[in-house]
Protein backbone atom coordinates (compact mmCIF):
# COMPACT_ATOMS: atom_id res chain seq x y z
CA PHE A 1 0.06 0.05 -0.01
CA SER A 2 1.11 3.58 -0.57
CA LYS A 3 1.48 6.28 2.08
CA ASP A 4 -0.90 8.51 0.08
CA ALA A 5 -3.72 6.02 0.11
CA LEU A 6 -4.03 6.16 4.03
CA LYS A 7 -7.04 7.77 5.50
CA ASP A 8 -7.42 8.53 9.14
CA GLU A 9 -10.46 9.00 11.37
CA VAL A 10 -10.74 10.36 14.83
CA LEU A 11 -12.86 7.89 16.82
CA LYS A 12 -13.02 9.71 20.08
CA VAL A 13 -11.42 12.56 22.03
CA MET A 14 -11.99 12.49 25.80
CA PRO A 15 -10.77 14.60 28.69
CA VAL A 16 -8.93 12.79 31.44
CA GLN A 17 -8.00 14.34 34.84
CA LYS A 18 -5.24 13.70 37.43
CA GLN A 19 -5.66 14.98 40.85
CA THR A 20 -2.70 17.02 42.15
CA THR A 21 -2.09 19.09 45.32
CA ALA A 22 -2.95 22.26 43.49
CA GLY A 23 -6.23 20.92 42.06
CA GLN A 24 -6.93 18.86 38.84
CA ARG A 25 -4.76 18.64 35.83
CA THR A 26 -6.82 18.08 32.62
CA ARG A 27 -5.44 16.39 29.57
CA PHE A 28 -7.01 15.04 26.42
CA LYS A 29 -6.89 11.49 25.14
CA ALA A 30 -7.46 10.86 21.38
CA PHE A 31 -8.16 7.57 19.64
CA VAL A 32 -7.60 7.38 15.88
CA ALA A 33 -7.99 4.72 13.25
CA ALA A 34 -5.94 4.80 9.97
CA GLY A 35 -6.19 2.57 7.05
CA ASP A 36 -6.38 2.37 3.19
CA HIS A 37 -9.92 0.65 2.91
CA ASN A 38 -8.15 -2.23 1.33
CA GLY A 39 -7.23 -4.61 4.20
CA HIS A 40 -4.79 -2.53 6.24
CA LEU A 41 -5.66 -1.00 9.58
CA GLY A 42 -3.86 0.71 12.49
CA LEU A 43 -5.02 2.25 15.73
CA GLY A 44 -3.35 5.03 17.73
CA VAL A 45 -3.81 6.57 21.14
CA LYS A 46 -2.21 9.78 22.45
CA CYS A 47 -2.71 11.86 25.50
CA ALA A 48 -1.64 15.55 25.64
CA LYS A 49 -2.41 18.90 27.26
CA GLU A 50 -4.06 20.16 24.03
CA VAL A 51 -6.66 18.46 21.72
CA ALA A 52 -4.81 19.13 18.49
CA ILE A 53 -1.54 17.89 19.73
CA ALA A 54 -3.25 14.67 21.07
CA ILE A 55 -4.88 13.96 17.68
CA ARG A 56 -1.73 14.61 15.73
CA GLY A 57 0.15 12.15 17.94
CA ALA A 58 -2.55 9.66 17.69
CA ILE A 59 -2.45 9.83 13.85
CA VAL A 60 1.33 9.18 13.89
CA ASN A 61 0.80 6.28 16.26
CA ALA A 62 -1.93 4.78 14.10
CA LYS A 63 0.16 4.97 10.88
CA LEU A 64 3.07 3.36 12.56
CA SER A 65 0.95 0.52 13.86
CA ILE A 66 -0.75 -0.42 10.46
CA MET A 67 -1.04 -4.19 9.90
CA PRO A 68 -2.85 -6.33 7.38
CA VAL A 69 -6.32 -7.54 8.17
CA ARG A 70 -7.39 -10.92 6.72
CA ARG A 71 -10.73 -10.56 4.98
CA GLY A 72 -13.35 -13.23 3.89
CA TYR A 73 -16.53 -13.81 2.23
CA TRP A 74 -20.24 -13.89 3.17
CA GLY A 75 -22.25 -16.00 0.86
CA SER A 76 -20.69 -16.51 -2.62
CA THR A 77 -17.07 -16.02 -3.46
CA ILE A 78 -17.61 -14.28 -6.75
CA GLU A 79 -16.80 -10.75 -5.66
CA ASP A 80 -13.92 -9.44 -3.68
CA PRO A 81 -13.71 -10.43 0.08
CA HIS A 82 -15.38 -7.90 2.23
CA THR A 83 -15.82 -9.17 5.85
CA VAL A 84 -13.86 -10.92 8.60
CA PRO A 85 -13.48 -14.61 7.70
CA MET A 86 -14.62 -16.05 10.95
CA LYS A 87 -15.94 -15.15 14.48
CA THR A 88 -13.20 -13.55 16.47
CA THR A 89 -13.06 -12.36 20.10
CA GLY A 90 -10.59 -10.06 21.53
CA ARG A 91 -10.11 -9.02 25.24
CA CYS A 92 -8.00 -6.27 26.88
CA GLY A 93 -8.68 -5.31 30.50
CA GLY A 94 -12.36 -5.00 30.96
CA SER A 95 -13.19 -4.58 27.28
CA LEU A 96 -14.46 -7.43 25.09
CA VAL A 97 -14.68 -7.06 21.34
CA ARG A 98 -16.32 -9.57 19.08
CA LEU A 99 -16.12 -9.54 15.27
CA ILE A 100 -18.77 -11.54 13.41
CA PRO A 101 -18.91 -12.12 9.60
CA ALA A 102 -21.69 -9.99 7.94
CA PRO A 103 -23.15 -9.52 4.43
CA ARG A 104 -21.96 -6.59 2.37
CA GLY A 105 -23.31 -3.21 3.41
CA THR A 106 -24.13 -3.94 7.11
């Protein structure tokens, strides 16, 4: 894939706070997904004092963590693969993500 074909999308920007002796320190955490819409995907997270800096850092992290994603078919194999090939479950901390194959357009 080429560097020019990569698109990025900001998934979420959220404020996070740390309690200090002088009060609370607010920072912003940004989550960004980057990919080429052709089977390559990367996710990036960055925390910074300003929103723009957090987003820029998350975009850099997402582009550096790009990896290929195996795709499969739903129904006939006449067209290009468009979905995940099988049910997949991922867990990190308290989060559980389940990917299930689906027909085109859903």
